[in-house]
């Protein structure tokens, strides 16, 4: 997936994929990550 020059908000989940992991994936695809967080959805 090519995300070059796209703005991304990476919202991860505590029991699943974390925000920092999503951030790295998006950046490797060329995205500009403007916000990254890991939340706990209960």
Protein backbone atom coordinates (compact mmCIF):
# COMPACT_ATOMS: atom_id res chain seq x y z
CA UNK A 1 0.00 0.00 0.00
CA UNK A 2 1.40 3.40 -0.94
CA UNK A 3 0.64 6.08 1.64
CA UNK A 4 3.12 8.62 0.30
CA UNK A 5 2.21 12.19 1.37
CA UNK A 6 -0.85 11.01 3.36
CA UNK A 7 -1.62 12.14 6.93
CA UNK A 8 -2.27 9.22 9.30
CA UNK A 9 -3.68 8.88 12.82
CA UNK A 10 -2.52 5.55 14.31
CA UNK A 11 -4.81 4.27 17.07
CA UNK A 12 -3.65 0.98 18.51
CA UNK A 13 -5.27 -1.35 21.00
CA UNK A 14 -3.63 -2.70 24.17
CA UNK A 15 -4.56 -6.35 23.55
CA UNK A 16 -3.87 -6.15 19.81
CA UNK A 17 -1.56 -4.07 17.64
CA UNK A 18 -0.04 -1.12 19.52
CA UNK A 19 0.03 2.47 18.29
CA UNK A 20 3.84 2.61 17.89
CA UNK A 21 3.73 -0.53 15.74
CA UNK A 22 1.07 0.99 13.50
CA UNK A 23 3.14 4.18 13.31
CA UNK A 24 6.20 2.27 12.08
CA UNK A 25 4.13 0.43 9.48
CA UNK A 26 2.52 3.62 8.18
CA UNK A 27 5.85 5.45 8.04
CA UNK A 28 7.44 2.58 6.12
CA UNK A 29 4.65 2.99 3.55
CA UNK A 30 5.48 6.70 3.18
CA UNK A 31 2.85 8.24 5.45
CA UNK A 32 3.26 11.21 7.76
CA UNK A 33 1.97 10.05 11.17
CA UNK A 34 0.49 13.07 12.94
CA UNK A 35 -0.75 11.22 16.05
CA UNK A 36 -0.08 7.79 17.54
CA UNK A 37 -1.61 6.30 20.69
CA UNK A 38 -2.44 2.95 22.28
CA UNK A 39 -5.84 2.76 23.96
CA UNK A 40 -7.57 0.19 26.15
CA UNK A 41 -11.09 -0.47 24.85
CA UNK A 42 -13.18 -2.11 27.57
